[in-house]
């Protein structure tokens, strides 16, 4: 089937980026110590996504060797905790913003 061949090609090209990013997140977790399982899984997912984006960008724009890209991508995994904290803060702010909009919409006096 053509789509299976396409998916295998994508996996062969980009799986090392995801793995290197996950390794960076795991190393960060080992360095930091205590984290909940949910936090570790979230950090690995964010790190893998960040690694994929960074790896593809470096591969196509800068055309540097893959070994260098793997090192850069694994270093980006080390910063995934900071990015995860920022995303959680943004999500919390969006929740507060929507709640304020909904409250003001509900409390708005009706015009006759």
PDB file of N, CA and C in Angstrom:
ATOM      1  N   UNK A   1       0.836  -1.170   0.000  1.00  0.00           N
ATOM      2  CA  UNK A   1       0.000   0.000   0.000  1.00  0.00           C
ATOM      3  C   UNK A   1       0.889   1.245   0.000  1.00  0.00           C
ATOM      4  N   UNK A   2       0.526   2.255  -0.778  1.00  0.00           N
ATOM      5  CA  UNK A   2       1.389   3.436  -0.897  1.00  0.00           C
ATOM      6  C   UNK A   2       1.499   4.247   0.390  1.00  0.00           C
ATOM      7  N   UNK A   3       0.432   4.338   1.162  1.00  0.00           N
ATOM      8  CA  UNK A   3       0.508   5.145   2.379  1.00  0.00           C
ATOM      9  C   UNK A   3       1.410   4.495   3.425  1.00  0.00           C
ATOM     10  N   UNK A   4       1.464   3.156   3.459  1.00  0.00           N
ATOM     11  CA  UNK A   4       2.353   2.479   4.400  1.00  0.00           C
ATOM     12  C   UNK A   4       3.817   2.741   4.046  1.00  0.00           C
ATOM     13  N   UNK A   5       4.101   2.741   2.761  1.00  0.00           N
ATOM     14  CA  UNK A   5       5.467   3.024   2.321  1.00  0.00           C
ATOM     15  C   UNK A   5       5.845   4.464   2.671  1.00  0.00           C
ATOM     16  N   UNK A   6       4.902   5.378   2.506  1.00  0.00           N
ATOM     17  CA  UNK A   6       5.134   6.774   2.840  1.00  0.00           C
ATOM     18  C   UNK A   6       5.387   6.945   4.338  1.00  0.00           C
ATOM     19  N   UNK A   7       4.586   6.273   5.173  1.00  0.00           N
ATOM     20  CA  UNK A   7       4.766   6.361   6.621  1.00  0.00           C
ATOM     21  C   UNK A   7       6.105   5.769   7.057  1.00  0.00           C
ATOM     22  N   UNK A   8       6.506   4.677   6.432  1.00  0.00           N
ATOM     23  CA  UNK A   8       7.811   4.091   6.751  1.00  0.00           C
ATOM     24  C   UNK A   8       8.951   5.030   6.355  1.00  0.00           C
ATOM     25  N   UNK A   9       8.793   5.703   5.232  1.00  0.00           N
ATOM     26  CA  UNK A   9       9.807   6.663   4.800  1.00  0.00           C
ATOM     27  C   UNK A   9       9.908   7.816   5.794  1.00  0.00           C
ATOM     28  N   UNK A  10       8.763   8.320   6.243  1.00  0.00           N
ATOM     29  CA  UNK A  10       8.761   9.390   7.249  1.00  0.00           C
ATOM     30  C   UNK A  10       9.406   8.931   8.549  1.00  0.00           C
ATOM     31  N   UNK A  11       9.091   7.707   8.958  1.00  0.00           N
ATOM     32  CA  UNK A  11       9.671   7.183  10.194  1.00  0.00           C
ATOM     33  C   UNK A  11      11.183   7.051  10.079  1.00  0.00           C
ATOM     34  N   UNK A  12      11.661   6.589   8.938  1.00  0.00           N
ATOM     35  CA  UNK A  12      13.106   6.441   8.747  1.00  0.00           C
ATOM     36  C   UNK A  12      13.813   7.790   8.763  1.00  0.00           C
ATOM     37  N   UNK A  13      13.161   8.805   8.214  1.00  0.00           N
ATOM     38  CA  UNK A  13      13.787  10.126   8.135  1.00  0.00           C
ATOM     39  C   UNK A  13      13.774  10.873   9.464  1.00  0.00           C
ATOM     40  N   UNK A  14      12.662  10.821  10.186  1.00  0.00           N
ATOM     41  CA  UNK A  14      12.473  11.726  11.314  1.00  0.00           C
ATOM     42  C   UNK A  14      12.458  11.062  12.688  1.00  0.00           C
ATOM     43  N   UNK A  15      12.433   9.752  12.770  1.00  0.00           N
ATOM     44  CA  UNK A  15      12.432   9.083  14.076  1.00  0.00           C
ATOM     45  C   UNK A  15      13.678   9.412  14.902  1.00  0.00           C
ATOM     46  N   UNK A  16      14.874   9.506  14.294  1.00  0.00           N
ATOM     47  CA  UNK A  16      16.035   9.863  15.123  1.00  0.00           C
ATOM     48  C   UNK A  16      15.888  11.208  15.823  1.00  0.00           C
ATOM     49  N   UNK A  17      15.213  12.165  15.196  1.00  0.00           N
ATOM     50  CA  UNK A  17      14.996  13.464  15.834  1.00  0.00           C
ATOM     51  C   UNK A  17      14.128  13.292  17.082  1.00  0.00           C
ATOM     52  N   UNK A  18      13.051  12.518  16.945  1.00  0.00           N
ATOM     53  CA  UNK A  18      12.145  12.305  18.072  1.00  0.00           C
ATOM     54  C   UNK A  18      12.854  11.578  19.210  1.00  0.00           C
ATOM     55  N   UNK A  19      13.653  10.577  18.856  1.00  0.00           N
ATOM     56  CA  UNK A  19      14.365   9.811  19.878  1.00  0.00           C
ATOM     57  C   UNK A  19      15.401  10.683  20.578  1.00  0.00           C
ATOM     58  N   UNK A  20      16.138  11.474  19.816  1.00  0.00           N
ATOM     59  CA  UNK A  20      17.154  12.344  20.417  1.00  0.00           C
ATOM     60  C   UNK A  20      16.506  13.370  21.349  1.00  0.00           C
ATOM     61  N   UNK A  21      15.371  13.910  20.954  1.00  0.00           N
ATOM     62  CA  UNK A  21      14.660  14.854  21.820  1.00  0.00           C
ATOM     63  C   UNK A  21      14.173  14.194  23.095  1.00  0.00           C
ATOM     64  N   UNK A  22      13.655  12.972  22.982  1.00  0.00           N
ATOM     65  CA  UNK A  22      13.194  12.245  24.158  1.00  0.00           C
ATOM     66  C   UNK A  22      14.358  11.928  25.092  1.00  0.00           C
ATOM     67  N   UNK A  23      15.510  11.584  24.518  1.00  0.00           N
ATOM     68  CA  UNK A  23      16.690  11.312  25.338  1.00  0.00           C
ATOM     69  C   UNK A  23      17.099  12.567  26.108  1.00  0.00           C
ATOM     70  N   UNK A  24      17.060  13.716  25.451  1.00  0.00           N
ATOM     71  CA  UNK A  24      17.363  14.971  26.137  1.00  0.00           C
ATOM     72  C   UNK A  24      16.421  15.230  27.296  1.00  0.00           C
ATOM     73  N   UNK A  25      15.127  14.935  27.099  1.00  0.00           N
ATOM     74  CA  UNK A  25      14.151  15.130  28.174  1.00  0.00           C
ATOM     75  C   UNK A  25      14.394  14.158  29.320  1.00  0.00           C
ATOM     76  N   UNK A  26      14.768  12.927  29.001  1.00  0.00           N
ATOM     77  CA  UNK A  26      15.034  11.934  30.043  1.00  0.00           C
ATOM     78  C   UNK A  26      16.276  12.324  30.838  1.00  0.00           C
ATOM     79  N   UNK A  27      17.299  12.799  30.150  1.00  0.00           N
ATOM     80  CA  UNK A  27      18.503  13.253  30.853  1.00  0.00           C
ATOM     81  C   UNK A  27      18.172  14.425  31.772  1.00  0.00           C
ATOM     82  N   UNK A  28      17.328  15.329  31.302  1.00  0.00           N
ATOM     83  CA  UNK A  28      16.905  16.455  32.142  1.00  0.00           C
ATOM     84  C   UNK A  28      16.144  15.953  33.363  1.00  0.00           C
ATOM     85  N   UNK A  29      15.305  14.955  33.185  1.00  0.00           N
ATOM     86  CA  UNK A  29      14.551  14.400  34.301  1.00  0.00           C
ATOM     87  C   UNK A  29      15.492  13.752  35.304  1.00  0.00           C
ATOM     88  N   UNK A  30      16.519  13.063  34.841  1.00  0.00           N
ATOM     89  CA  UNK A  30      17.489  12.435  35.739  1.00  0.00           C
ATOM     90  C   UNK A  30      18.252  13.501  36.520  1.00  0.00           C
ATOM     91  N   UNK A  31      18.610  14.587  35.844  1.00  0.00           N
ATOM     92  CA  UNK A  31      19.335  15.671  36.512  1.00  0.00           C
ATOM     93  C   UNK A  31      18.483  16.354  37.576  1.00  0.00           C
ATOM     94  N   UNK A  32      17.209  16.605  37.269  1.00  0.00           N
ATOM     95  CA  UNK A  32      16.343  17.354  38.184  1.00  0.00           C
ATOM     96  C   UNK A  32      15.882  16.524  39.365  1.00  0.00           C
ATOM     97  N   UNK A  33      15.685  15.241  39.150  1.00  0.00           N
ATOM     98  CA  UNK A  33      15.258  14.390  40.264  1.00  0.00           C
ATOM     99  C   UNK A  33      13.775  14.129  40.246  1.00  0.00           C
ATOM    100  N   UNK A  34      13.110  14.495  41.333  1.00  0.00           N
ATOM    101  CA  UNK A  34      11.713  14.128  41.536  1.00  0.00           C
ATOM    102  C   UNK A  34      10.784  14.850  40.567  1.00  0.00           C
ATOM    103  N   UNK A  35      10.026  14.047  39.824  1.00  0.00           N
ATOM    104  CA  UNK A  35       8.960  14.559  38.963  1.00  0.00           C
ATOM    105  C   UNK A  35       7.865  13.500  38.935  1.00  0.00           C
ATOM    106  N   UNK A  36       6.644  13.939  38.765  1.00  0.00           N
ATOM    107  CA  UNK A  36       5.559  12.977  38.647  1.00  0.00           C
ATOM    108  C   UNK A  36       5.635  12.298  37.290  1.00  0.00           C
ATOM    109  N   UNK A  37       5.002  11.150  37.199  1.00  0.00           N
ATOM    110  CA  UNK A  37       5.014  10.409  35.936  1.00  0.00           C
ATOM    111  C   UNK A  37       4.348  11.207  34.824  1.00  0.00           C
ATOM    112  N   UNK A  38       3.237  11.874  35.170  1.00  0.00           N
ATOM    113  CA  UNK A  38       2.532  12.692  34.184  1.00  0.00           C
ATOM    114  C   UNK A  38       3.426  13.817  33.664  1.00  0.00           C
ATOM    115  N   UNK A  39       4.159  14.441  34.562  1.00  0.00           N
ATOM    116  CA  UNK A  39       5.063  15.537  34.179  1.00  0.00           C
ATOM    117  C   UNK A  39       6.171  15.027  33.247  1.00  0.00           C
ATOM    118  N   UNK A  40       6.718  13.856  33.542  1.00  0.00           N
ATOM    119  CA  UNK A  40       7.772  13.283  32.711  1.00  0.00           C
ATOM    120  C   UNK A  40       7.247  12.970  31.315  1.00  0.00           C
ATOM    121  N   UNK A  41       6.053  12.369  31.245  1.00  0.00           N
ATOM    122  CA  UNK A  41       5.467  12.041  29.938  1.00  0.00           C
ATOM    123  C   UNK A  41       5.188  13.309  29.140  1.00  0.00           C
ATOM    124  N   UNK A  42       4.639  14.334  29.804  1.00  0.00           N
ATOM    125  CA  UNK A  42       4.391  15.613  29.114  1.00  0.00           C
ATOM    126  C   UNK A  42       5.690  16.221  28.607  1.00  0.00           C
ATOM    127  N   UNK A  43       6.716  16.149  29.419  1.00  0.00           N
ATOM    128  CA  UNK A  43       8.001  16.712  29.025  1.00  0.00           C
ATOM    129  C   UNK A  43       8.593  15.953  27.838  1.00  0.00           C
ATOM    130  N   UNK A  44       8.463  14.637  27.825  1.00  0.00           N
ATOM    131  CA  UNK A  44       8.977  13.845  26.706  1.00  0.00           C
ATOM    132  C   UNK A  44       8.201  14.165  25.427  1.00  0.00           C
ATOM    133  N   UNK A  45       6.886  14.316  25.526  1.00  0.00           N
ATOM    134  CA  UNK A  45       6.082  14.646  24.340  1.00  0.00           C
ATOM    135  C   UNK A  45       6.442  16.022  23.785  1.00  0.00           C
ATOM    136  N   UNK A  46       6.555  17.011  24.662  1.00  0.00           N
ATOM    137  CA  UNK A  46       6.935  18.359  24.222  1.00  0.00           C
ATOM    138  C   UNK A  46       8.329  18.333  23.619  1.00  0.00           C
ATOM    139  N   UNK A  47       9.229  17.607  24.259  1.00  0.00           N
ATOM    140  CA  UNK A  47      10.609  17.530  23.779  1.00  0.00           C
ATOM    141  C   UNK A  47      10.677  16.873  22.405  1.00  0.00           C
ATOM    142  N   UNK A  48       9.900  15.811  22.205  1.00  0.00           N
ATOM    143  CA  UNK A  48       9.899  15.134  20.903  1.00  0.00           C
ATOM    144  C   UNK A  48       9.351  16.042  19.813  1.00  0.00           C
ATOM    145  N   UNK A  49       8.282  16.767  20.120  1.00  0.00           N
ATOM    146  CA  UNK A  49       7.722  17.677  19.136  1.00  0.00           C
ATOM    147  C   UNK A  49       8.699  18.804  18.801  1.00  0.00           C
ATOM    148  N   UNK A  50       9.302  19.371  19.831  1.00  0.00           N
ATOM    149  CA  UNK A  50      10.298  20.418  19.626  1.00  0.00           C
ATOM    150  C   UNK A  50      11.486  19.893  18.818  1.00  0.00           C
ATOM    151  N   UNK A  51      11.930  18.684  19.136  1.00  0.00           N
ATOM    152  CA  UNK A  51      13.059  18.083  18.422  1.00  0.00           C
ATOM    153  C   UNK A  51      12.718  17.847  16.963  1.00  0.00           C
ATOM    154  N   UNK A  52      11.501  17.399  16.698  1.00  0.00           N
ATOM    155  CA  UNK A  52      11.096  17.171  15.315  1.00  0.00           C
ATOM    156  C   UNK A  52      11.089  18.478  14.530  1.00  0.00           C
ATOM    157  N   UNK A  53      10.501  19.516  15.108  1.00  0.00           N
ATOM    158  CA  UNK A  53      10.459  20.819  14.429  1.00  0.00           C
ATOM    159  C   UNK A  53      11.869  21.365  14.188  1.00  0.00           C
ATOM    160  N   UNK A  54      12.695  21.310  15.203  1.00  0.00           N
ATOM    161  CA  UNK A  54      14.053  21.820  15.089  1.00  0.00           C
ATOM    162  C   UNK A  54      14.880  20.978  14.121  1.00  0.00           C
ATOM    163  N   UNK A  55      14.746  19.671  14.196  1.00  0.00           N
ATOM    164  CA  UNK A  55      15.512  18.784  13.320  1.00  0.00           C
ATOM    165  C   UNK A  55      15.176  18.971  11.856  1.00  0.00           C
ATOM    166  N   UNK A  56      13.900  19.050  11.553  1.00  0.00           N
ATOM    167  CA  UNK A  56      13.484  19.256  10.157  1.00  0.00           C
ATOM    168  C   UNK A  56      13.964  20.612   9.656  1.00  0.00           C
ATOM    169  N   UNK A  57      13.843  21.629  10.500  1.00  0.00           N
ATOM    170  CA  UNK A  57      14.291  22.967  10.102  1.00  0.00           C
ATOM    171  C   UNK A  57      15.791  22.988   9.834  1.00  0.00           C
ATOM    172  N   UNK A  58      16.563  22.410  10.722  1.00  0.00           N
ATOM    173  CA  UNK A  58      18.012  22.386  10.531  1.00  0.00           C
ATOM    174  C   UNK A  58      18.407  21.559   9.301  1.00  0.00           C
ATOM    175  N   UNK A  59      17.696  20.474   9.090  1.00  0.00           N
ATOM    176  CA  UNK A  59      18.027  19.591   7.980  1.00  0.00           C
ATOM    177  C   UNK A  59      17.796  20.270   6.633  1.00  0.00           C
ATOM    178  N   UNK A  60      16.706  20.980   6.509  1.00  0.00           N
ATOM    179  CA  UNK A  60      16.373  21.553   5.204  1.00  0.00           C
ATOM    180  C   UNK A  60      16.926  22.956   4.988  1.00  0.00           C
ATOM    181  N   UNK A  61      17.043  23.743   6.029  1.00  0.00           N
ATOM    182  CA  UNK A  61      17.505  25.117   5.842  1.00  0.00           C
ATOM    183  C   UNK A  61      19.014  25.254   5.898  1.00  0.00           C
ATOM    184  N   UNK A  62      19.636  24.567   6.856  1.00  0.00           N
ATOM    185  CA  UNK A  62      21.072  24.732   7.023  1.00  0.00           C
ATOM    186  C   UNK A  62      21.888  23.627   6.363  1.00  0.00           C
ATOM    187  N   UNK A  63      21.246  22.499   6.088  1.00  0.00           N
ATOM    188  CA  UNK A  63      21.891  21.358   5.436  1.00  0.00           C
ATOM    189  C   UNK A  63      23.182  20.956   6.141  1.00  0.00           C
ATOM    190  N   UNK A  64      23.115  20.808   7.460  1.00  0.00           N
ATOM    191  CA  UNK A  64      24.270  20.355   8.217  1.00  0.00           C
ATOM    192  C   UNK A  64      24.158  18.840   8.411  1.00  0.00           C
ATOM    193  N   UNK A  65      25.257  18.157   8.741  1.00  0.00           N
ATOM    194  CA  UNK A  65      25.219  16.692   8.888  1.00  0.00           C
ATOM    195  C   UNK A  65      24.260  16.240   9.995  1.00  0.00           C
ATOM    196  N   UNK A  66      23.727  15.053   9.825  1.00  0.00           N
ATOM    197  CA  UNK A  66      22.743  14.539  10.777  1.00  0.00           C
ATOM    198  C   UNK A  66      23.307  14.375  12.177  1.00  0.00           C
ATOM    199  N   UNK A  67      24.591  14.009  12.291  1.00  0.00           N
ATOM    200  CA  UNK A  67      25.174  13.824  13.621  1.00  0.00           C
ATOM    201  C   UNK A  67      25.149  15.132  14.415  1.00  0.00           C
ATOM    202  N   UNK A  68      25.379  16.232  13.769  1.00  0.00           N
ATOM    203  CA  UNK A  68      25.333  17.540  14.435  1.00  0.00           C
ATOM    204  C   UNK A  68      23.889  17.883  14.802  1.00  0.00           C
ATOM    205  N   UNK A  69      22.973  17.565  13.911  1.00  0.00           N
ATOM    206  CA  UNK A  69      21.558  17.824  14.177  1.00  0.00           C
ATOM    207  C   UNK A  69      21.095  17.027  15.390  1.00  0.00           C
ATOM    208  N   UNK A  70      21.510  15.761  15.507  1.00  0.00           N
ATOM    209  CA  UNK A  70      21.105  14.936  16.647  1.00  0.00           C
ATOM    210  C   UNK A  70      21.590  15.546  17.962  1.00  0.00           C
ATOM    211  N   UNK A  71      22.808  16.066  17.958  1.00  0.00           N
ATOM    212  CA  UNK A  71      23.338  16.695  19.173  1.00  0.00           C
ATOM    213  C   UNK A  71      22.555  17.949  19.534  1.00  0.00           C
ATOM    214  N   UNK A  72      22.255  18.770  18.545  1.00  0.00           N
ATOM    215  CA  UNK A  72      21.498  20.008  18.801  1.00  0.00           C
ATOM    216  C   UNK A  72      20.093  19.674  19.286  1.00  0.00           C
ATOM    217  N   UNK A  73      19.478  18.683  18.668  1.00  0.00           N
ATOM    218  CA  UNK A  73      18.116  18.299  19.019  1.00  0.00           C
ATOM    219  C   UNK A  73      18.064  17.724  20.431  1.00  0.00           C
ATOM    220  N   UNK A  74      19.066  16.935  20.811  1.00  0.00           N
ATOM    221  CA  UNK A  74      19.057  16.391  22.171  1.00  0.00           C
ATOM    222  C   UNK A  74      19.283  17.504  23.201  1.00  0.00           C
ATOM    223  N   UNK A  75      20.051  18.521  22.846  1.00  0.00           N
ATOM    224  CA  UNK A  75      20.203  19.668  23.741  1.00  0.00           C
ATOM    225  C   UNK A  75      18.891  20.430  23.889  1.00  0.00           C
ATOM    226  N   UNK A  76      18.118  20.498  22.810  1.00  0.00           N
ATOM    227  CA  UNK A  76      16.827  21.172  22.905  1.00  0.00           C
ATOM    228  C   UNK A  76      15.899  20.430  23.857  1.00  0.00           C
ATOM    229  N   UNK A  77      16.074  19.120  23.980  1.00  0.00           N
ATOM    230  CA  UNK A  77      15.282  18.348  24.933  1.00  0.00           C
ATOM    231  C   UNK A  77      15.552  18.739  26.370  1.00  0.00           C
ATOM    232  N   UNK A  78      16.755  19.244  26.613  1.00  0.00           N
ATOM    233  CA  UNK A  78      17.095  19.694  27.962  1.00  0.00           C
ATOM    234  C   UNK A  78      16.262  20.908  28.373  1.00  0.00           C
ATOM    235  N   UNK A  79      15.828  21.703  27.395  1.00  0.00           N
ATOM    236  CA  UNK A  79      15.059  22.910  27.695  1.00  0.00           C
ATOM    237  C   UNK A  79      13.554  22.679  27.596  1.00  0.00           C
ATOM    238  N   UNK A  80      13.147  21.436  27.408  1.00  0.00           N
ATOM    239  CA  UNK A  80      11.726  21.157  27.247  1.00  0.00           C
ATOM    240  C   UNK A  80      10.935  21.458  28.510  1.00  0.00           C
ATOM    241  N   UNK A  81      11.559  21.350  29.676  1.00  0.00           N
ATOM    242  CA  UNK A  81      10.847  21.651  30.918  1.00  0.00           C
ATOM    243  C   UNK A  81      10.475  23.130  30.981  1.00  0.00           C
ATOM    244  N   UNK A  82      11.370  23.995  30.541  1.00  0.00           N
ATOM    245  CA  UNK A  82      11.094  25.435  30.531  1.00  0.00           C
ATOM    246  C   UNK A  82       9.941  25.732  29.568  1.00  0.00           C
ATOM    247  N   UNK A  83       9.985  25.108  28.405  1.00  0.00           N
ATOM    248  CA  UNK A  83       8.929  25.322  27.413  1.00  0.00           C
ATOM    249  C   UNK A  83       7.601  24.779  27.928  1.00  0.00           C
ATOM    250  N   UNK A  84       7.635  23.615  28.592  1.00  0.00           N
ATOM    251  CA  UNK A  84       6.410  23.048  29.154  1.00  0.00           C
ATOM    252  C   UNK A  84       5.824  23.967  30.220  1.00  0.00           C
ATOM    253  N   UNK A  85       6.667  24.549  31.061  1.00  0.00           N
ATOM    254  CA  UNK A  85       6.184  25.502  32.072  1.00  0.00           C
ATOM    255  C   UNK A  85       5.510  26.701  31.417  1.00  0.00           C
ATOM    256  N   UNK A  86       6.130  27.221  30.366  1.00  0.00           N
ATOM    257  CA  UNK A  86       5.548  28.372  29.662  1.00  0.00           C
ATOM    258  C   UNK A  86       4.213  28.013  29.011  1.00  0.00           C
ATOM    259  N   UNK A  87       4.119  26.828  28.407  1.00  0.00           N
ATOM    260  CA  UNK A  87       2.863  26.410  27.791  1.00  0.00           C
ATOM    261  C   UNK A  87       1.759  26.243  28.827  1.00  0.00           C
ATOM    262  N   UNK A  88       2.101  25.697  29.984  1.00  0.00           N
ATOM    263  CA  UNK A  88       1.098  25.563  31.047  1.00  0.00           C
ATOM    264  C   UNK A  88       0.631  26.926  31.533  1.00  0.00           C
ATOM    265  N   UNK A  89       1.548  27.882  31.622  1.00  0.00           N
ATOM    266  CA  UNK A  89       1.181  29.237  32.042  1.00  0.00           C
ATOM    267  C   UNK A  89       0.276  29.905  31.009  1.00  0.00           C
ATOM    268  N   UNK A  90       0.607  29.735  29.734  1.00  0.00           N
ATOM    269  CA  UNK A  90      -0.229  30.306  28.670  1.00  0.00           C
ATOM    270  C   UNK A  90      -1.611  29.677  28.683  1.00  0.00           C
ATOM    271  N   UNK A  91      -1.675  28.360  28.867  1.00  0.00           N
ATOM    272  CA  UNK A  91      -2.976  27.687  28.920  1.00  0.00           C
ATOM    273  C   UNK A  91      -3.798  28.200  30.100  1.00  0.00           C
ATOM    274  N   UNK A  92      -3.161  28.419  31.222  1.00  0.00           N
ATOM    275  CA  UNK A  92      -3.872  28.972  32.382  1.00  0.00           C
ATOM    276  C   UNK A  92      -4.370  30.377  32.120  1.00  0.00           C
ATOM    277  N   UNK A  93      -3.556  31.195  31.450  1.00  0.00           N
ATOM    278  CA  UNK A  93      -3.969  32.564  31.130  1.00  0.00           C
ATOM    279  C   UNK A  93      -5.121  32.582  30.141  1.00  0.00           C
ATOM    280  N   UNK A  94      -5.092  31.685  29.172  1.00  0.00           N
ATOM    281  CA  UNK A  94      -6.189  31.613  28.202  1.00  0.00           C
ATOM    282  C   UNK A  94      -7.478  31.208  28.903  1.00  0.00           C
ATOM    283  N   UNK A  95      -7.373  30.276  29.836  1.00  0.00           N
ATOM    284  CA  UNK A  95      -8.560  29.850  30.590  1.00  0.00           C
ATOM    285  C   UNK A  95      -9.142  31.021  31.365  1.00  0.00           C
ATOM    286  N   UNK A  96      -8.295  31.794  32.029  1.00  0.00           N
ATOM    287  CA  UNK A  96      -8.771  32.963  32.778  1.00  0.00           C
ATOM    288  C   UNK A  96      -9.379  34.004  31.841  1.00  0.00           C
ATOM    289  N   UNK A  97      -8.768  34.198  30.693  1.00  0.00           N
ATOM    290  CA  UNK A  97      -9.258  35.180  29.731  1.00  0.00           C
ATOM    291  C   UNK A  97     -10.645  34.803  29.232  1.00  0.00           C
ATOM    292  N   UNK A  98     -10.827  33.529  28.873  1.00  0.00           N
ATOM    293  CA  UNK A  98     -12.142  33.084  28.414  1.00  0.00           C
ATOM    294  C   UNK A  98     -13.188  33.179  29.512  1.00  0.00           C
ATOM    295  N   UNK A  99     -12.800  32.878  30.748  1.00  0.00           N
ATOM    296  CA  UNK A  99     -13.771  32.966  31.839  1.00  0.00           C
ATOM    297  C   UNK A  99     -14.193  34.412  32.065  1.00  0.00           C
ATOM    298  N   UNK A 100     -13.267  35.377  31.935  1.00  0.00           N
ATOM    299  CA  UNK A 100     -13.625  36.782  32.069  1.00  0.00           C
ATOM    300  C   UNK A 100     -14.563  37.218  30.937  1.00  0.00           C
ATOM    301  N   UNK A 101     -14.297  36.765  29.717  1.00  0.00           N
ATOM    302  CA  UNK A 101     -15.167  37.112  28.586  1.00  0.00           C
ATOM    303  C   UNK A 101     -16.564  36.551  28.791  1.00  0.00           C
ATOM    304  N   UNK A 102     -16.640  35.308  29.230  1.00  0.00           N
ATOM    305  CA  UNK A 102     -17.949  34.680  29.433  1.00  0.00           C
ATOM    306  C   UNK A 102     -18.701  35.362  30.567  1.00  0.00           C
ATOM    307  N   UNK A 103     -18.016  35.685  31.650  1.00  0.00           N
ATOM    308  CA  UNK A 103     -18.664  36.374  32.761  1.00  0.00           C
ATOM    309  C   UNK A 103     -19.177  37.748  32.344  1.00  0.00           C
ATOM    310  N   UNK A 104     -18.381  38.491  31.571  1.00  0.00           N
ATOM    311  CA  UNK A 104     -18.833  39.813  31.130  1.00  0.00           C
ATOM    312  C   UNK A 104     -19.991  39.685  30.141  1.00  0.00           C
ATOM    313  N   UNK A 105     -20.023  38.635  29.366  1.00  0.00           N
ATOM    314  CA  UNK A 105     -21.107  38.446  28.410  1.00  0.00           C
ATOM    315  C   UNK A 105     -22.395  38.081  29.142  1.00  0.00           C
ATOM    316  N   UNK A 106     -22.273  37.264  30.188  1.00  0.00           N
ATOM    317  CA  UNK A 106     -23.454  36.856  30.955  1.00  0.00           C
ATOM    318  C   UNK A 106     -24.007  38.014  31.774  1.00  0.00           C
ATOM    319  N   UNK A 107     -23.137  38.828  32.348  1.00  0.00           N
ATOM    320  CA  UNK A 107     -23.555  39.922  33.220  1.00  0.00           C
ATOM    321  C   UNK A 107     -23.916  41.190  32.465  1.00  0.00           C
ATOM    322  N   UNK A 108     -23.773  41.190  31.156  1.00  0.00           N
ATOM    323  CA  UNK A 108     -24.040  42.387  30.365  1.00  0.00           C
ATOM    324  C   UNK A 108     -25.537  42.724  30.455  1.00  0.00           C
ATOM    325  N   UNK A 109     -25.859  43.969  30.807  1.00  0.00           N
ATOM    326  CA  UNK A 109     -27.282  44.348  30.869  1.00  0.00           C
ATOM    327  C   UNK A 109     -27.893  44.385  29.461  1.00  0.00           C
ATOM    328  N   UNK A 110     -29.117  43.942  29.398  1.00  0.00           N
ATOM    329  CA  UNK A 110     -29.800  43.920  28.100  1.00  0.00           C
ATOM    330  C   UNK A 110     -30.418  45.289  27.839  1.00  0.00           C
ATOM    331  N   UNK A 111     -30.324  45.717  26.613  1.00  0.00           N
ATOM    332  CA  UNK A 111     -30.898  46.998  26.207  1.00  0.00           C
ATOM    333  C   UNK A 111     -32.321  46.809  25.746  1.00  0.00           C
ATOM    334  N   UNK A 112     -33.177  47.748  26.087  1.00  0.00           N
ATOM    335  CA  UNK A 112     -34.596  47.668  25.672  1.00  0.00           C
ATOM    336  C   UNK A 112     -34.862  48.452  24.434  1.00  0.00           C
TER     337      UNK A 112
END
